[in-house]
Amino acid sequence: MPKQPRILAFAGSLRRDSFNKQLVRIAAQGARTAGAEVTVIDLKDYPLPVFDEDLERESGAPENARRLKQLFVEHDGLLIASPEYNSSITAVLKNTIDWVSRPSPGEPPLVAFAGKVAVVLSASPGALGGLRGLVHLRAILGNIGVIVLPDQTAISKAHEAFAADGSLKEIRQQATVEKLGATLASAVAKLRG
């Protein structure tokens, strides 16, 4: 029997009422419906100092960096909802990637990223829905060995897009985001099968 795909889902945002946190939960449900085991985390629960090689050399990786890295290692796929800040990704998302990418003695390079499969998506109050930030995120993930699927979505006017229960008001958008999660689950299952 094939192993159930394991997907780690999170938003690159610390804000409690983040549109991207709502978005990633919808995609995560789509992945679960497609048969994946999904772990949804909040980066706010893993505070990290700004990446600094001097700090790493003196003290080693912070405990939260080690915990996050272990989560990445244990999962086959990544579902990332990325806000766009000034046409790029957020500082917290980049900092998380930087800490998690750091090697530990005796392990292969980029063990937490190499060969993982990812889907990226975004929501933003702007007209492009965070699309410019996804371009940067794709480049970063691709450069560290992540297979980023071409399927993505960017929800514009996010401040008007969500219902009170966290779902998307437009049924087609809701279905598209759920399908992204299902697509990731399917791709991981095929690659790991």
Protein backbone atom coordinates (compact mmCIF):
# COMPACT_ATOMS: atom_id res chain seq x y z
CA MET A 1 0.00 0.00 0.00
CA PRO A 2 1.47 3.41 -0.95
CA LYS A 3 2.51 5.74 1.83
CA GLN A 4 0.04 8.54 2.57
CA PRO A 5 1.49 11.87 1.32
CA ARG A 6 2.53 14.18 4.16
CA ILE A 7 2.15 17.89 3.51
CA LEU A 8 3.32 20.80 5.65
CA ALA A 9 1.08 23.87 5.16
CA PHE A 10 1.73 27.39 6.37
CA ALA A 11 1.45 31.07 5.52
CA GLY A 12 4.37 33.47 5.35
CA SER A 13 2.59 35.82 7.72
CA LEU A 14 2.53 36.51 11.44
CA ARG A 15 -0.70 38.54 11.46
CA ARG A 16 -3.49 36.83 13.41
CA ASP A 17 -6.18 37.60 10.81
CA SER A 18 -3.92 37.05 7.80
CA PHE A 19 -5.69 36.45 4.49
CA ASN A 20 -2.94 33.97 3.64
CA LYS A 21 -3.54 31.95 6.80
CA GLN A 22 -7.19 31.65 5.72
CA LEU A 23 -6.11 30.74 2.19
CA VAL A 24 -3.69 28.01 3.24
CA ARG A 25 -6.36 26.37 5.41
CA ILE A 26 -8.65 26.09 2.37
CA ALA A 27 -5.89 24.51 0.27
CA ALA A 28 -4.98 22.21 3.16
CA GLN A 29 -8.56 20.94 3.25
CA GLY A 30 -8.34 20.16 -0.45
CA ALA A 31 -5.17 18.15 0.18
CA ARG A 32 -6.83 16.24 3.03
CA THR A 33 -9.85 15.45 0.87
CA ALA A 34 -7.43 14.05 -1.73
CA GLY A 35 -5.95 11.69 0.86
CA ALA A 36 -2.96 13.57 2.25
CA GLU A 37 -2.00 13.91 5.87
CA VAL A 38 -1.66 17.67 6.35
CA THR A 39 0.05 19.52 9.18
CA VAL A 40 -0.93 23.20 9.31
CA ILE A 41 1.45 25.37 11.32
CA ASP A 42 1.59 29.05 12.22
CA LEU A 43 5.05 30.62 11.94
CA LYS A 44 4.10 32.86 14.86
CA ASP A 45 4.47 29.75 17.05
CA TYR A 46 8.14 29.46 15.96
CA PRO A 47 9.73 32.86 16.61
CA LEU A 48 13.27 33.11 15.26
CA PRO A 49 16.02 35.72 15.39
CA VAL A 50 17.10 37.18 12.07
CA PHE A 51 19.48 34.67 10.47
CA ASP A 52 23.05 35.43 11.52
CA GLU A 53 26.00 33.10 10.92
CA ASP A 54 27.82 34.51 13.96
CA LEU A 55 24.87 33.59 16.17
CA GLU A 56 24.70 30.15 14.55
CA ARG A 57 28.45 29.59 15.08
CA GLU A 58 28.33 30.74 18.72
CA SER A 59 25.08 29.09 19.82
CA GLY A 60 24.03 26.68 17.09
CA ALA A 61 20.62 26.81 15.46
CA PRO A 62 17.85 28.15 17.71
CA GLU A 63 15.46 25.53 19.11
CA ASN A 64 12.60 26.77 16.92
CA ALA A 65 14.78 26.49 13.81
CA ARG A 66 15.55 22.87 14.73
CA ARG A 67 11.86 22.14 15.37
CA LEU A 68 10.83 23.69 12.04
CA LYS A 69 13.57 21.87 10.15
CA GLN A 70 12.40 18.55 11.60
CA LEU A 71 8.86 19.30 10.42
CA PHE A 72 10.13 20.06 6.91
CA VAL A 73 12.19 16.86 6.86
CA GLU A 74 9.21 14.75 7.97
CA HIS A 75 6.92 16.02 5.20
CA ASP A 76 6.97 15.27 1.47
CA GLY A 77 5.23 18.40 0.25
CA LEU A 78 4.93 22.09 1.10
CA LEU A 79 1.81 24.20 0.75
CA ILE A 80 2.83 27.85 1.15
CA ALA A 81 0.54 30.88 1.10
CA SER A 82 2.81 33.87 0.69
CA PRO A 83 1.80 37.47 1.29
CA GLU A 84 3.49 40.08 -0.89
CA TYR A 85 5.40 42.83 0.86
CA ASN A 86 6.87 45.50 -1.42
CA SER A 87 6.72 43.20 -4.46
CA SER A 88 8.49 40.30 -2.74
CA ILE A 89 8.07 37.73 0.03
CA THR A 90 7.84 38.56 3.72
CA ALA A 91 10.83 38.78 6.02
CA VAL A 92 9.44 35.99 8.22
CA LEU A 93 9.12 33.60 5.28
CA LYS A 94 12.63 34.32 3.99
CA ASN A 95 14.09 34.06 7.50
CA THR A 96 12.34 30.72 8.04
CA ILE A 97 13.70 29.36 4.77
CA ASP A 98 17.20 30.60 5.65
CA TRP A 99 17.26 28.95 9.08
CA VAL A 100 15.66 25.69 7.90
CA SER A 101 18.12 25.43 5.02
CA ARG A 102 21.17 25.38 7.29
CA PRO A 103 23.08 22.07 7.32
CA SER A 104 23.74 20.03 10.43
CA PRO A 105 26.86 17.86 10.66
CA GLY A 106 26.53 14.56 8.79
CA GLU A 107 23.37 15.34 6.86
CA PRO A 108 22.98 15.92 3.12
CA PRO A 109 22.81 19.54 1.93
CA LEU A 110 19.34 21.08 1.95
CA VAL A 111 17.84 17.93 3.48
CA ALA A 112 14.70 19.86 4.47
CA PHE A 113 14.06 21.07 0.91
CA ALA A 114 15.76 18.96 -1.78
CA GLY A 115 13.23 16.83 -3.64
CA LYS A 116 10.19 18.23 -1.83
CA VAL A 117 7.18 19.20 -3.93
CA ALA A 118 5.46 22.55 -3.35
CA VAL A 119 2.45 24.56 -4.37
CA VAL A 120 2.47 28.31 -3.77
CA LEU A 121 -0.46 30.68 -3.57
CA SER A 122 -1.20 34.14 -2.29
CA ALA A 123 -3.86 36.62 -1.29
CA SER A 124 -3.45 40.37 -1.22
CA PRO A 125 -5.66 43.46 -1.11
CA GLY A 126 -3.86 44.60 -4.28
CA ALA A 127 -5.00 44.06 -7.85
CA LEU A 128 -2.41 41.35 -8.58
CA GLY A 129 -3.18 39.28 -5.49
CA GLY A 130 0.45 38.88 -4.46
CA LEU A 131 1.61 37.49 -7.79
CA ARG A 132 4.92 39.38 -7.81
CA GLY A 133 5.92 37.81 -4.50
CA LEU A 134 5.18 34.33 -5.86
CA VAL A 135 7.74 34.90 -8.63
CA HIS A 136 10.43 35.46 -5.98
CA LEU A 137 9.26 32.54 -3.86
CA ARG A 138 9.38 30.18 -6.86
CA ALA A 139 12.95 31.29 -7.61
CA ILE A 140 14.10 30.76 -4.02
CA LEU A 141 12.46 27.34 -3.66
CA GLY A 142 13.70 26.17 -7.06
CA ASN A 143 17.25 27.17 -6.19
CA ILE A 144 17.21 25.03 -3.04
CA GLY A 145 15.94 21.90 -4.77
CA VAL A 146 12.18 22.15 -4.31
CA ILE A 147 9.98 21.03 -7.21
CA VAL A 148 7.45 23.87 -7.45
CA LEU A 149 4.36 22.82 -9.38
CA PRO A 150 3.18 25.26 -12.07
CA ASP A 151 -0.35 25.43 -10.61
CA GLN A 152 -0.89 28.49 -8.43
CA THR A 153 -3.43 31.16 -7.63
CA ALA A 154 -3.31 34.75 -6.45
CA ILE A 155 -6.47 36.15 -4.86
CA SER A 156 -6.79 39.89 -5.45
CA LYS A 157 -8.86 42.24 -3.29
CA ALA A 158 -8.43 39.76 -0.44
CA HIS A 159 -10.04 42.16 2.04
CA GLU A 160 -13.31 41.55 0.14
CA ALA A 161 -12.78 37.92 -0.91
CA PHE A 162 -13.35 35.97 2.32
CA ALA A 163 -16.61 35.15 4.07
CA ALA A 164 -16.93 35.33 7.86
CA ASP A 165 -16.31 31.56 8.16
CA GLY A 166 -12.93 31.83 6.37
CA SER A 167 -14.10 30.41 3.05
CA LEU A 168 -13.86 32.33 -0.19
CA LYS A 169 -17.08 34.08 -1.23
CA GLU A 170 -16.67 33.09 -4.88
CA ILE A 171 -17.38 29.38 -5.31
CA ARG A 172 -14.99 29.08 -8.26
CA GLN A 173 -12.14 30.61 -6.26
CA GLN A 174 -12.86 28.27 -3.34
CA ALA A 175 -12.81 25.28 -5.69
CA THR A 176 -9.58 26.46 -7.34
CA VAL A 177 -7.78 26.78 -4.01
CA GLU A 178 -9.04 23.39 -2.80
CA LYS A 179 -7.90 21.88 -6.10
CA LEU A 180 -4.39 23.28 -5.54
CA GLY A 181 -4.16 21.28 -2.33
CA ALA A 182 -5.49 18.19 -4.10
CA THR A 183 -3.02 18.68 -6.96
CA LEU A 184 -0.13 18.78 -4.50
CA ALA A 185 -1.37 15.64 -2.73
CA SER A 186 -1.66 13.83 -6.05
CA ALA A 187 1.78 14.93 -7.26
CA VAL A 188 3.45 13.89 -3.99
CA ALA A 189 1.68 10.52 -4.08
CA LYS A 190 2.88 9.89 -7.65
CA LEU A 191 6.45 10.93 -6.95
CA ARG A 192 6.65 8.97 -3.70
CA GLY A 193 4.63 5.99 -5.02
